[in-house]
PDB file of N, CA and C in Angstrom:
ATOM      1  N   GLN A   1       2.907  24.160   5.540  1.00  0.00           N
ATOM      2  CA  GLN A   1       2.459  22.911   4.936  1.00  0.00           C
ATOM      3  C   GLN A   1       2.596  21.786   5.901  1.00  0.00           C
ATOM      4  N   VAL A   2       1.649  20.922   6.052  1.00  0.00           N
ATOM      5  CA  VAL A   2       1.656  19.842   6.994  1.00  0.00           C
ATOM      6  C   VAL A   2       1.776  18.536   6.222  1.00  0.00           C
ATOM      7  N   GLN A   3       2.550  17.662   6.679  1.00  0.00           N
ATOM      8  CA  GLN A   3       2.704  16.394   6.026  1.00  0.00           C
ATOM      9  C   GLN A   3       2.588  15.239   7.085  1.00  0.00           C
ATOM     10  N   LEU A   4       2.068  14.117   6.645  1.00  0.00           N
ATOM     11  CA  LEU A   4       2.104  12.910   7.415  1.00  0.00           C
ATOM     12  C   LEU A   4       2.919  11.938   6.721  1.00  0.00           C
ATOM     13  N   VAL A   5       3.996  11.453   7.299  1.00  0.00           N
ATOM     14  CA  VAL A   5       4.928  10.550   6.658  1.00  0.00           C
ATOM     15  C   VAL A   5       4.873   9.182   7.408  1.00  0.00           C
ATOM     16  N   GLU A   6       4.480   8.179   6.616  1.00  0.00           N
ATOM     17  CA  GLU A   6       4.259   6.858   7.197  1.00  0.00           C
ATOM     18  C   GLU A   6       5.551   5.959   6.845  1.00  0.00           C
ATOM     19  N   SER A   7       5.738   5.022   7.768  1.00  0.00           N
ATOM     20  CA  SER A   7       6.862   4.025   7.453  1.00  0.00           C
ATOM     21  C   SER A   7       6.371   2.720   8.060  1.00  0.00           C
ATOM     22  N   GLY A   8       7.007   1.654   7.634  1.00  0.00           N
ATOM     23  CA  GLY A   8       6.582   0.264   8.035  1.00  0.00           C
ATOM     24  C   GLY A   8       5.720  -0.267   6.960  1.00  0.00           C
ATOM     25  N   GLY A   9       5.039  -1.286   7.276  1.00  0.00           N
ATOM     26  CA  GLY A   9       4.233  -1.970   6.277  1.00  0.00           C
ATOM     27  C   GLY A   9       5.071  -3.004   5.551  1.00  0.00           C
ATOM     28  N   GLY A  10       4.475  -3.730   4.625  1.00  0.00           N
ATOM     29  CA  GLY A  10       5.104  -4.772   3.892  1.00  0.00           C
ATOM     30  C   GLY A  10       4.411  -6.071   3.934  1.00  0.00           C
ATOM     31  N   LEU A  11       5.127  -7.134   3.680  1.00  0.00           N
ATOM     32  CA  LEU A  11       4.560  -8.489   3.590  1.00  0.00           C
ATOM     33  C   LEU A  11       4.917  -9.273   4.888  1.00  0.00           C
ATOM     34  N   VAL A  12       3.962  -9.915   5.462  1.00  0.00           N
ATOM     35  CA  VAL A  12       4.181 -10.727   6.655  1.00  0.00           C
ATOM     36  C   VAL A  12       3.280 -11.922   6.592  1.00  0.00           C
ATOM     37  N   ARG A  13       3.744 -13.043   7.174  1.00  0.00           N
ATOM     38  CA  ARG A  13       2.945 -14.243   7.246  1.00  0.00           C
ATOM     39  C   ARG A  13       1.902 -14.150   8.304  1.00  0.00           C
ATOM     40  N   ALA A  14       0.790 -14.879   8.085  1.00  0.00           N
ATOM     41  CA  ALA A  14      -0.343 -14.890   9.073  1.00  0.00           C
ATOM     42  C   ALA A  14       0.263 -15.341  10.458  1.00  0.00           C
ATOM     43  N   GLY A  15      -0.277 -14.612  11.391  1.00  0.00           N
ATOM     44  CA  GLY A  15       0.139 -14.852  12.768  1.00  0.00           C
ATOM     45  C   GLY A  15       1.386 -14.026  13.217  1.00  0.00           C
ATOM     46  N   GLY A  16       1.983 -13.334  12.226  1.00  0.00           N
ATOM     47  CA  GLY A  16       3.230 -12.555  12.556  1.00  0.00           C
ATOM     48  C   GLY A  16       2.856 -11.161  12.947  1.00  0.00           C
ATOM     49  N   PRO A  17       3.878 -10.431  13.426  1.00  0.00           N
ATOM     50  CA  PRO A  17       3.700  -8.980  13.736  1.00  0.00           C
ATOM     51  C   PRO A  17       4.230  -8.054  12.691  1.00  0.00           C
ATOM     52  N   LEU A  18       3.784  -6.826  12.825  1.00  0.00           N
ATOM     53  CA  LEU A  18       4.225  -5.769  11.921  1.00  0.00           C
ATOM     54  C   LEU A  18       3.956  -4.456  12.622  1.00  0.00           C
ATOM     55  N   SER A  19       4.820  -3.474  12.460  1.00  0.00           N
ATOM     56  CA  SER A  19       4.567  -2.192  13.076  1.00  0.00           C
ATOM     57  C   SER A  19       4.547  -1.066  12.005  1.00  0.00           C
ATOM     58  N   LEU A  20       3.849  -0.065  12.290  1.00  0.00           N
ATOM     59  CA  LEU A  20       3.683   1.116  11.427  1.00  0.00           C
ATOM     60  C   LEU A  20       4.113   2.334  12.274  1.00  0.00           C
ATOM     61  N   SER A  21       4.527   3.341  11.664  1.00  0.00           N
ATOM     62  CA  SER A  21       4.768   4.606  12.365  1.00  0.00           C
ATOM     63  C   SER A  21       4.320   5.686  11.430  1.00  0.00           C
ATOM     64  N   CYS A  22       4.006   6.861  11.990  1.00  0.00           N
ATOM     65  CA  CYS A  22       3.549   7.944  11.185  1.00  0.00           C
ATOM     66  C   CYS A  22       3.962   9.258  11.972  1.00  0.00           C
ATOM     67  N   SER A  23       4.626  10.119  11.297  1.00  0.00           N
ATOM     68  CA  SER A  23       5.121  11.417  11.851  1.00  0.00           C
ATOM     69  C   SER A  23       4.499  12.546  11.132  1.00  0.00           C
ATOM     70  N   ALA A  24       3.962  13.492  11.907  1.00  0.00           N
ATOM     71  CA  ALA A  24       3.376  14.752  11.414  1.00  0.00           C
ATOM     72  C   ALA A  24       4.506  15.763  11.477  1.00  0.00           C
ATOM     73  N   SER A  25       4.623  16.511  10.377  1.00  0.00           N
ATOM     74  CA  SER A  25       5.626  17.548  10.265  1.00  0.00           C
ATOM     75  C   SER A  25       5.083  18.731   9.586  1.00  0.00           C
ATOM     76  N   GLY A  26       5.841  19.875   9.786  1.00  0.00           N
ATOM     77  CA  GLY A  26       5.366  21.119   9.134  1.00  0.00           C
ATOM     78  C   GLY A  26       4.993  22.061  10.209  1.00  0.00           C
ATOM     79  N   SER A  27       4.173  23.069   9.811  1.00  0.00           N
ATOM     80  CA  SER A  27       3.747  24.169  10.666  1.00  0.00           C
ATOM     81  C   SER A  27       2.509  23.770  11.466  1.00  0.00           C
ATOM     82  N   ILE A  28       2.775  23.162  12.580  1.00  0.00           N
ATOM     83  CA  ILE A  28       1.708  22.602  13.428  1.00  0.00           C
ATOM     84  C   ILE A  28       1.642  23.286  14.748  1.00  0.00           C
ATOM     85  N   TYR A  29       0.380  23.757  15.107  1.00  0.00           N
ATOM     86  CA  TYR A  29       0.149  24.365  16.400  1.00  0.00           C
ATOM     87  C   TYR A  29      -0.124  23.304  17.405  1.00  0.00           C
ATOM     88  N   SER A  30      -1.081  22.494  17.117  1.00  0.00           N
ATOM     89  CA  SER A  30      -1.509  21.358  18.029  1.00  0.00           C
ATOM     90  C   SER A  30      -2.101  20.243  17.292  1.00  0.00           C
ATOM     91  N   ILE A  31      -1.914  19.019  17.899  1.00  0.00           N
ATOM     92  CA  ILE A  31      -2.545  17.857  17.293  1.00  0.00           C
ATOM     93  C   ILE A  31      -3.678  17.365  18.261  1.00  0.00           C
ATOM     94  N   THR A  32      -4.789  17.106  17.663  1.00  0.00           N
ATOM     95  CA  THR A  32      -5.957  16.620  18.461  1.00  0.00           C
ATOM     96  C   THR A  32      -5.939  15.054  18.578  1.00  0.00           C
ATOM     97  N   THR A  33      -5.942  14.444  17.426  1.00  0.00           N
ATOM     98  CA  THR A  33      -5.890  12.995  17.293  1.00  0.00           C
ATOM     99  C   THR A  33      -4.967  12.550  16.253  1.00  0.00           C
ATOM    100  N   MET A  34      -4.361  11.351  16.368  1.00  0.00           N
ATOM    101  CA  MET A  34      -3.696  10.749  15.272  1.00  0.00           C
ATOM    102  C   MET A  34      -4.132   9.232  15.295  1.00  0.00           C
ATOM    103  N   GLY A  35      -4.048   8.656  14.131  1.00  0.00           N
ATOM    104  CA  GLY A  35      -4.417   7.198  14.028  1.00  0.00           C
ATOM    105  C   GLY A  35      -4.292   6.637  12.756  1.00  0.00           C
ATOM    106  N   TRP A  36      -4.908   5.547  12.605  1.00  0.00           N
ATOM    107  CA  TRP A  36      -4.751   4.757  11.397  1.00  0.00           C
ATOM    108  C   TRP A  36      -6.160   4.249  10.852  1.00  0.00           C
ATOM    109  N   TYR A  37      -6.302   4.328   9.606  1.00  0.00           N
ATOM    110  CA  TYR A  37      -7.495   3.756   8.910  1.00  0.00           C
ATOM    111  C   TYR A  37      -6.897   2.800   7.875  1.00  0.00           C
ATOM    112  N   ARG A  38      -7.766   1.946   7.425  1.00  0.00           N
ATOM    113  CA  ARG A  38      -7.260   1.028   6.365  1.00  0.00           C
ATOM    114  C   ARG A  38      -8.413   0.820   5.281  1.00  0.00           C
ATOM    115  N   GLN A  39      -7.944   0.425   4.076  1.00  0.00           N
ATOM    116  CA  GLN A  39      -8.905   0.163   3.000  1.00  0.00           C
ATOM    117  C   GLN A  39      -8.431  -0.987   2.197  1.00  0.00           C
ATOM    118  N   ALA A  40      -9.267  -1.994   2.149  1.00  0.00           N
ATOM    119  CA  ALA A  40      -8.988  -3.144   1.288  1.00  0.00           C
ATOM    120  C   ALA A  40      -9.747  -3.006  -0.055  1.00  0.00           C
ATOM    121  N   PRO A  41      -9.246  -3.655  -1.017  1.00  0.00           N
ATOM    122  CA  PRO A  41      -9.968  -3.530  -2.404  1.00  0.00           C
ATOM    123  C   PRO A  41     -11.371  -3.851  -2.315  1.00  0.00           C
ATOM    124  N   GLY A  42     -12.271  -3.010  -2.831  1.00  0.00           N
ATOM    125  CA  GLY A  42     -13.734  -3.248  -2.792  1.00  0.00           C
ATOM    126  C   GLY A  42     -14.395  -2.951  -1.495  1.00  0.00           C
ATOM    127  N   ARG A  43     -13.631  -2.434  -0.560  1.00  0.00           N
ATOM    128  CA  ARG A  43     -14.231  -2.203   0.768  1.00  0.00           C
ATOM    129  C   ARG A  43     -14.105  -0.737   1.177  1.00  0.00           C
ATOM    130  N   GLN A  44     -14.931  -0.313   2.153  1.00  0.00           N
ATOM    131  CA  GLN A  44     -14.834   1.068   2.522  1.00  0.00           C
ATOM    132  C   GLN A  44     -13.671   1.283   3.587  1.00  0.00           C
ATOM    133  N   ARG A  45     -13.175   2.452   3.574  1.00  0.00           N
ATOM    134  CA  ARG A  45     -12.059   2.791   4.543  1.00  0.00           C
ATOM    135  C   ARG A  45     -12.678   2.691   5.958  1.00  0.00           C
ATOM    136  N   GLU A  46     -11.936   2.032   6.837  1.00  0.00           N
ATOM    137  CA  GLU A  46     -12.398   1.890   8.215  1.00  0.00           C
ATOM    138  C   GLU A  46     -11.333   2.194   9.198  1.00  0.00           C
ATOM    139  N   LEU A  47     -11.772   2.620  10.417  1.00  0.00           N
ATOM    140  CA  LEU A  47     -10.943   2.985  11.499  1.00  0.00           C
ATOM    141  C   LEU A  47     -10.183   1.713  12.006  1.00  0.00           C
ATOM    142  N   VAL A  48      -8.896   1.834  12.167  1.00  0.00           N
ATOM    143  CA  VAL A  48      -8.141   0.766  12.805  1.00  0.00           C
ATOM    144  C   VAL A  48      -7.830   1.112  14.211  1.00  0.00           C
ATOM    145  N   ALA A  49      -7.332   2.300  14.467  1.00  0.00           N
ATOM    146  CA  ALA A  49      -6.978   2.755  15.818  1.00  0.00           C
ATOM    147  C   ALA A  49      -6.771   4.227  15.776  1.00  0.00           C
ATOM    148  N   ARG A  50      -7.106   4.899  16.913  1.00  0.00           N
ATOM    149  CA  ARG A  50      -6.943   6.340  17.052  1.00  0.00           C
ATOM    150  C   ARG A  50      -6.620   6.664  18.460  1.00  0.00           C
ATOM    151  N   ILE A  51      -5.752   7.649  18.606  1.00  0.00           N
ATOM    152  CA  ILE A  51      -5.366   8.111  19.972  1.00  0.00           C
ATOM    153  C   ILE A  51      -5.609   9.596  20.081  1.00  0.00           C
ATOM    154  N   THR A  52      -6.197  10.043  21.197  1.00  0.00           N
ATOM    155  CA  THR A  52      -6.278  11.417  21.479  1.00  0.00           C
ATOM    156  C   THR A  52      -5.103  11.852  22.227  1.00  0.00           C
ATOM    157  N   ILE A  53      -4.406  12.878  21.658  1.00  0.00           N
ATOM    158  CA  ILE A  53      -3.100  13.223  22.080  1.00  0.00           C
ATOM    159  C   ILE A  53      -3.147  13.800  23.497  1.00  0.00           C
ATOM    160  N   SER A  54      -4.039  14.650  23.851  1.00  0.00           N
ATOM    161  CA  SER A  54      -4.025  15.283  25.137  1.00  0.00           C
ATOM    162  C   SER A  54      -4.306  14.344  26.302  1.00  0.00           C
ATOM    163  N   SER A  55      -5.140  13.295  26.072  1.00  0.00           N
ATOM    164  CA  SER A  55      -5.500  12.417  27.134  1.00  0.00           C
ATOM    165  C   SER A  55      -4.888  11.020  27.057  1.00  0.00           C
ATOM    166  N   GLY A  56      -4.474  10.636  25.831  1.00  0.00           N
ATOM    167  CA  GLY A  56      -3.871   9.356  25.585  1.00  0.00           C
ATOM    168  C   GLY A  56      -4.932   8.260  25.449  1.00  0.00           C
ATOM    169  N   SER A  57      -6.201   8.643  25.400  1.00  0.00           N
ATOM    170  CA  SER A  57      -7.301   7.725  25.261  1.00  0.00           C
ATOM    171  C   SER A  57      -7.243   7.164  23.850  1.00  0.00           C
ATOM    172  N   THR A  58      -7.698   5.895  23.664  1.00  0.00           N
ATOM    173  CA  THR A  58      -7.607   5.161  22.435  1.00  0.00           C
ATOM    174  C   THR A  58      -8.891   4.630  21.988  1.00  0.00           C
ATOM    175  N   ASN A  59      -9.095   4.477  20.684  1.00  0.00           N
ATOM    176  CA  ASN A  59     -10.253   3.796  20.129  1.00  0.00           C
ATOM    177  C   ASN A  59      -9.704   2.785  19.097  1.00  0.00           C
ATOM    178  N   TYR A  60     -10.384   1.650  19.029  1.00  0.00           N
ATOM    179  CA  TYR A  60      -9.978   0.646  18.021  1.00  0.00           C
ATOM    180  C   TYR A  60     -11.205   0.112  17.283  1.00  0.00           C
ATOM    181  N   GLY A  61     -10.949  -0.314  16.028  1.00  0.00           N
ATOM    182  CA  GLY A  61     -11.976  -0.956  15.316  1.00  0.00           C
ATOM    183  C   GLY A  61     -12.355  -2.236  15.973  1.00  0.00           C
ATOM    184  N   ASP A  62     -13.626  -2.611  15.728  1.00  0.00           N
ATOM    185  CA  ASP A  62     -14.125  -3.861  16.422  1.00  0.00           C
ATOM    186  C   ASP A  62     -13.270  -5.129  16.003  1.00  0.00           C
ATOM    187  N   PHE A  63     -12.781  -5.072  14.849  1.00  0.00           N
ATOM    188  CA  PHE A  63     -12.063  -6.257  14.286  1.00  0.00           C
ATOM    189  C   PHE A  63     -10.689  -6.409  14.974  1.00  0.00           C
ATOM    190  N   VAL A  64     -10.231  -5.357  15.668  1.00  0.00           N
ATOM    191  CA  VAL A  64      -8.854  -5.496  16.222  1.00  0.00           C
ATOM    192  C   VAL A  64      -8.743  -6.568  17.330  1.00  0.00           C
ATOM    193  N   LYS A  65      -9.793  -6.577  18.180  1.00  0.00           N
ATOM    194  CA  LYS A  65      -9.880  -7.627  19.177  1.00  0.00           C
ATOM    195  C   LYS A  65      -8.631  -7.873  19.979  1.00  0.00           C
ATOM    196  N   GLY A  66      -8.013  -6.761  20.407  1.00  0.00           N
ATOM    197  CA  GLY A  66      -6.848  -6.816  21.282  1.00  0.00           C
ATOM    198  C   GLY A  66      -5.536  -7.127  20.566  1.00  0.00           C
ATOM    199  N   ARG A  67      -5.541  -7.263  19.317  1.00  0.00           N
ATOM    200  CA  ARG A  67      -4.317  -7.640  18.580  1.00  0.00           C
ATOM    201  C   ARG A  67      -3.379  -6.454  18.263  1.00  0.00           C
ATOM    202  N   PHE A  68      -3.912  -5.248  18.204  1.00  0.00           N
ATOM    203  CA  PHE A  68      -3.174  -4.065  17.817  1.00  0.00           C
ATOM    204  C   PHE A  68      -3.043  -3.130  19.025  1.00  0.00           C
ATOM    205  N   THR A  69      -1.937  -2.368  19.036  1.00  0.00           N
ATOM    206  CA  THR A  69      -1.768  -1.295  20.092  1.00  0.00           C
ATOM    207  C   THR A  69      -1.308  -0.085  19.366  1.00  0.00           C
ATOM    208  N   ILE A  70      -1.953   1.031  19.737  1.00  0.00           N
ATOM    209  CA  ILE A  70      -1.532   2.299  19.228  1.00  0.00           C
ATOM    210  C   ILE A  70      -0.915   3.104  20.369  1.00  0.00           C
ATOM    211  N   SER A  71       0.190   3.863  20.081  1.00  0.00           N
ATOM    212  CA  SER A  71       0.841   4.666  21.073  1.00  0.00           C
ATOM    213  C   SER A  71       1.387   5.880  20.373  1.00  0.00           C
ATOM    214  N   SER A  72       1.795   6.851  21.162  1.00  0.00           N
ATOM    215  CA  SER A  72       2.334   8.107  20.511  1.00  0.00           C
ATOM    216  C   SER A  72       3.498   8.619  21.294  1.00  0.00           C
ATOM    217  N   ASP A  73       4.356   9.272  20.574  1.00  0.00           N
ATOM    218  CA  ASP A  73       5.419  10.070  21.149  1.00  0.00           C
ATOM    219  C   ASP A  73       5.110  11.535  20.897  1.00  0.00           C
ATOM    220  N   ASN A  74       4.482  12.229  21.813  1.00  0.00           N
ATOM    221  CA  ASN A  74       3.974  13.567  21.523  1.00  0.00           C
ATOM    222  C   ASN A  74       5.111  14.573  21.172  1.00  0.00           C
ATOM    223  N   ALA A  75       6.255  14.376  21.767  1.00  0.00           N
ATOM    224  CA  ALA A  75       7.313  15.239  21.507  1.00  0.00           C
ATOM    225  C   ALA A  75       7.782  15.193  20.080  1.00  0.00           C
ATOM    226  N   LYS A  76       7.619  14.028  19.451  1.00  0.00           N
ATOM    227  CA  LYS A  76       7.947  13.808  18.072  1.00  0.00           C
ATOM    228  C   LYS A  76       6.862  13.866  17.089  1.00  0.00           C
ATOM    229  N   ASN A  77       5.619  14.127  17.621  1.00  0.00           N
ATOM    230  CA  ASN A  77       4.439  14.193  16.793  1.00  0.00           C
ATOM    231  C   ASN A  77       4.373  12.866  15.957  1.00  0.00           C
ATOM    232  N   THR A  78       4.550  11.791  16.597  1.00  0.00           N
ATOM    233  CA  THR A  78       4.583  10.480  15.956  1.00  0.00           C
ATOM    234  C   THR A  78       3.659   9.500  16.671  1.00  0.00           C
ATOM    235  N   VAL A  79       3.000   8.711  15.847  1.00  0.00           N
ATOM    236  CA  VAL A  79       2.105   7.706  16.343  1.00  0.00           C
ATOM    237  C   VAL A  79       2.642   6.317  15.814  1.00  0.00           C
ATOM    238  N   TYR A  80       2.480   5.349  16.656  1.00  0.00           N
ATOM    239  CA  TYR A  80       2.928   3.923  16.297  1.00  0.00           C
ATOM    240  C   TYR A  80       1.767   3.002  16.423  1.00  0.00           C
ATOM    241  N   LEU A  81       1.746   2.021  15.494  1.00  0.00           N
ATOM    242  CA  LEU A  81       0.851   0.931  15.530  1.00  0.00           C
ATOM    243  C   LEU A  81       1.498  -0.392  15.495  1.00  0.00           C
ATOM    244  N   GLN A  82       1.435  -1.059  16.615  1.00  0.00           N
ATOM    245  CA  GLN A  82       2.045  -2.483  16.716  1.00  0.00           C
ATOM    246  C   GLN A  82       0.866  -3.385  16.436  1.00  0.00           C
ATOM    247  N   MET A  83       1.080  -4.194  15.416  1.00  0.00           N
ATOM    248  CA  MET A  83       0.029  -5.176  15.048  1.00  0.00           C
ATOM    249  C   MET A  83       0.519  -6.579  15.221  1.00  0.00           C
ATOM    250  N   ASN A  84      -0.166  -7.359  15.994  1.00  0.00           N
ATOM    251  CA  ASN A  84       0.254  -8.725  16.261  1.00  0.00           C
ATOM    252  C   ASN A  84      -0.844  -9.695  15.757  1.00  0.00           C
ATOM    253  N   SER A  85      -0.514 -10.931  15.706  1.00  0.00           N
ATOM    254  CA  SER A  85      -1.488 -12.005  15.247  1.00  0.00           C
ATOM    255  C   SER A  85      -2.195 -11.553  13.968  1.00  0.00           C
ATOM    256  N   LEU A  86      -1.499 -11.138  13.018  1.00  0.00           N
ATOM    257  CA  LEU A  86      -2.047 -10.614  11.778  1.00  0.00           C
ATOM    258  C   LEU A  86      -2.709 -11.786  11.034  1.00  0.00           C
ATOM    259  N   GLU A  87      -3.788 -11.446  10.304  1.00  0.00           N
ATOM    260  CA  GLU A  87      -4.565 -12.395   9.546  1.00  0.00           C
ATOM    261  C   GLU A  87      -4.657 -11.930   8.057  1.00  0.00           C
ATOM    262  N   PRO A  88      -4.883 -12.855   7.130  1.00  0.00           N
ATOM    263  CA  PRO A  88      -5.007 -12.397   5.858  1.00  0.00           C
ATOM    264  C   PRO A  88      -6.048 -11.320   5.555  1.00  0.00           C
ATOM    265  N   ASP A  89      -7.109 -11.285   6.382  1.00  0.00           N
ATOM    266  CA  ASP A  89      -8.144 -10.287   6.300  1.00  0.00           C
ATOM    267  C   ASP A  89      -7.635  -8.881   6.707  1.00  0.00           C
ATOM    268  N   ASP A  90      -6.464  -8.816   7.251  1.00  0.00           N
ATOM    269  CA  ASP A  90      -5.851  -7.524   7.582  1.00  0.00           C
ATOM    270  C   ASP A  90      -5.181  -6.897   6.402  1.00  0.00           C
ATOM    271  N   THR A  91      -5.089  -7.596   5.352  1.00  0.00           N
ATOM    272  CA  THR A  91      -4.365  -7.072   4.087  1.00  0.00           C
ATOM    273  C   THR A  91      -5.156  -5.860   3.646  1.00  0.00           C
ATOM    274  N   ALA A  92      -4.470  -4.727   3.469  1.00  0.00           N
ATOM    275  CA  ALA A  92      -5.097  -3.491   3.118  1.00  0.00           C
ATOM    276  C   ALA A  92      -4.005  -2.416   2.978  1.00  0.00           C
ATOM    277  N   VAL A  93      -4.420  -1.292   2.441  1.00  0.00           N
ATOM    278  CA  VAL A  93      -3.607  -0.136   2.494  1.00  0.00           C
ATOM    279  C   VAL A  93      -3.928   0.571   3.771  1.00  0.00           C
ATOM    280  N   TYR A  94      -2.966   0.892   4.589  1.00  0.00           N
ATOM    281  CA  TYR A  94      -3.147   1.544   5.886  1.00  0.00           C
ATOM    282  C   TYR A  94      -2.762   3.022   5.749  1.00  0.00           C
ATOM    283  N   TYR A  95      -3.667   3.879   6.150  1.00  0.00           N
ATOM    284  CA  TYR A  95      -3.523   5.329   6.043  1.00  0.00           C
ATOM    285  C   TYR A  95      -3.380   5.939   7.389  1.00  0.00           C
ATOM    286  N   CYS A  96      -2.375   6.799   7.561  1.00  0.00           N
ATOM    287  CA  CYS A  96      -2.265   7.626   8.756  1.00  0.00           C
ATOM    288  C   CYS A  96      -3.237   8.803   8.595  1.00  0.00           C
ATOM    289  N   HIS A  97      -3.838   9.084   9.772  1.00  0.00           N
ATOM    290  CA  HIS A  97      -4.827  10.245   9.793  1.00  0.00           C
ATOM    291  C   HIS A  97      -4.518  11.058  10.991  1.00  0.00           C
ATOM    292  N   ALA A  98      -4.633  12.333  10.843  1.00  0.00           N
ATOM    293  CA  ALA A  98      -4.475  13.241  11.970  1.00  0.00           C
ATOM    294  C   ALA A  98      -5.525  14.405  11.859  1.00  0.00           C
ATOM    295  N   VAL A  99      -6.002  14.808  13.037  1.00  0.00           N
ATOM    296  CA  VAL A  99      -6.795  16.076  13.102  1.00  0.00           C
ATOM    297  C   VAL A  99      -5.857  17.013  13.885  1.00  0.00           C
ATOM    298  N   LEU A 100      -5.461  18.038  13.285  1.00  0.00           N
ATOM    299  CA  LEU A 100      -4.567  19.020  13.868  1.00  0.00           C
ATOM    300  C   LEU A 100      -4.895  20.379  13.425  1.00  0.00           C
ATOM    301  N   THR A 101      -4.309  21.344  14.168  1.00  0.00           N
ATOM    302  CA  THR A 101      -4.504  22.745  13.915  1.00  0.00           C
ATOM    303  C   THR A 101      -3.145  23.311  13.452  1.00  0.00           C
ATOM    304  N   PRO A 102      -3.018  23.735  12.233  1.00  0.00           N
ATOM    305  CA  PRO A 102      -1.836  24.336  11.709  1.00  0.00           C
ATOM    306  C   PRO A 102      -1.594  25.662  12.382  1.00  0.00           C
ATOM    307  N   ARG A 103      -0.364  26.099  12.400  1.00  0.00           N
ATOM    308  CA  ARG A 103      -0.046  27.447  12.920  1.00  0.00           C
ATOM    309  C   ARG A 103      -0.742  28.500  12.049  1.00  0.00           C
ATOM    310  N   ASN A 104      -1.263  29.471  12.654  1.00  0.00           N
ATOM    311  CA  ASN A 104      -1.950  30.574  11.989  1.00  0.00           C
ATOM    312  C   ASN A 104      -3.314  30.149  11.405  1.00  0.00           C
ATOM    313  N   ALA A 105      -3.827  29.029  11.929  1.00  0.00           N
ATOM    314  CA  ALA A 105      -5.189  28.611  11.524  1.00  0.00           C
ATOM    315  C   ALA A 105      -6.137  28.729  12.673  1.00  0.00           C
ATOM    316  N   ASP A 106      -7.434  28.902  12.360  1.00  0.00           N
ATOM    317  CA  ASP A 106      -8.431  29.104  13.383  1.00  0.00           C
ATOM    318  C   ASP A 106      -9.020  27.817  13.882  1.00  0.00           C
ATOM    319  N   TRP A 107      -8.901  26.775  13.082  1.00  0.00           N
ATOM    320  CA  TRP A 107      -9.580  25.532  13.469  1.00  0.00           C
ATOM    321  C   TRP A 107      -8.766  24.339  13.024  1.00  0.00           C
ATOM    322  N   ALA A 108      -9.065  23.200  13.553  1.00  0.00           N
ATOM    323  CA  ALA A 108      -8.487  21.922  13.199  1.00  0.00           C
ATOM    324  C   ALA A 108      -8.947  21.424  11.867  1.00  0.00           C
ATOM    325  N   THR A 109      -8.002  20.662  11.222  1.00  0.00           N
ATOM    326  CA  THR A 109      -8.321  20.110   9.943  1.00  0.00           C
ATOM    327  C   THR A 109      -7.787  18.644   9.814  1.00  0.00           C
ATOM    328  N   ALA A 110      -8.454  17.806   9.128  1.00  0.00           N
ATOM    329  CA  ALA A 110      -7.987  16.493   9.024  1.00  0.00           C
ATOM    330  C   ALA A 110      -6.992  16.325   7.859  1.00  0.00           C
ATOM    331  N   TYR A 111      -5.948  15.491   8.138  1.00  0.00           N
ATOM    332  CA  TYR A 111      -4.905  15.224   7.170  1.00  0.00           C
ATOM    333  C   TYR A 111      -4.760  13.718   7.026  1.00  0.00           C
ATOM    334  N   TRP A 112      -4.403  13.333   5.827  1.00  0.00           N
ATOM    335  CA  TRP A 112      -4.128  11.909   5.454  1.00  0.00           C
ATOM    336  C   TRP A 112      -2.748  11.647   4.985  1.00  0.00           C
ATOM    337  N   GLY A 113      -2.121  10.528   5.335  1.00  0.00           N
ATOM    338  CA  GLY A 113      -0.889  10.130   4.717  1.00  0.00           C
ATOM    339  C   GLY A 113      -1.096   9.527   3.444  1.00  0.00           C
ATOM    340  N   GLN A 114      -0.083   9.186   2.784  1.00  0.00           N
ATOM    341  CA  GLN A 114      -0.165   8.621   1.410  1.00  0.00           C
ATOM    342  C   GLN A 114      -0.573   7.108   1.393  1.00  0.00           C
ATOM    343  N   GLY A 115      -0.451   6.475   2.469  1.00  0.00           N
ATOM    344  CA  GLY A 115      -0.887   5.052   2.606  1.00  0.00           C
ATOM    345  C   GLY A 115       0.342   4.154   2.481  1.00  0.00           C
ATOM    346  N   THR A 116       0.287   3.078   3.201  1.00  0.00           N
ATOM    347  CA  THR A 116       1.279   2.038   3.133  1.00  0.00           C
ATOM    348  C   THR A 116       0.653   0.657   3.040  1.00  0.00           C
ATOM    349  N   GLN A 117       1.077  -0.167   2.171  1.00  0.00           N
ATOM    350  CA  GLN A 117       0.511  -1.462   1.976  1.00  0.00           C
ATOM    351  C   GLN A 117       0.907  -2.499   3.016  1.00  0.00           C
ATOM    352  N   VAL A 118      -0.062  -3.187   3.548  1.00  0.00           N
ATOM    353  CA  VAL A 118       0.174  -4.307   4.446  1.00  0.00           C
ATOM    354  C   VAL A 118      -0.394  -5.572   3.867  1.00  0.00           C
ATOM    355  N   THR A 119       0.397  -6.572   3.563  1.00  0.00           N
ATOM    356  CA  THR A 119      -0.057  -7.787   3.004  1.00  0.00           C
ATOM    357  C   THR A 119       0.273  -8.873   3.934  1.00  0.00           C
ATOM    358  N   VAL A 120      -0.795  -9.706   4.235  1.00  0.00           N
ATOM    359  CA  VAL A 120      -0.656 -10.822   5.160  1.00  0.00           C
ATOM    360  C   VAL A 120      -0.899 -12.076   4.329  1.00  0.00           C
ATOM    361  N   SER A 121       0.131 -12.917   4.250  1.00  0.00           N
ATOM    362  CA  SER A 121      -0.028 -14.148   3.451  1.00  0.00           C
ATOM    363  C   SER A 121      -0.469 -15.309   4.430  1.00  0.00           C
ATOM    364  N   SER A 122      -1.243 -16.164   3.841  1.00  0.00           N
ATOM    365  CA  SER A 122      -1.739 -17.344   4.579  1.00  0.00           C
ATOM    366  C   SER A 122      -0.771 -18.481   4.596  1.00  0.00           C
TER     367      SER A 122
END
């Protein structure tokens, strides 16, 4: 059984920083990518940031504009998201996402965390 456990999130004032972390646990053979998506009320879920574990290459949503940084600790199967200069429009539920291959599986599968609320007050 594979789980993604998120921590961080909460309430922050506009312009402030906040960090999130997500750890993958369970019977894992390999992890391809880990990252974060977010969903605000009435809006579609969108990519925030993603990191490819083997290469360390990263992708960010266009709205990030250099404000967020994703990093990983591969030994701990953990990904971090440092968010700076937060804006009220960043208010959303942030979901951890991973594409990984469980042990005894033939192919990779996508997994989601339970989500953590980020609220940015103006």
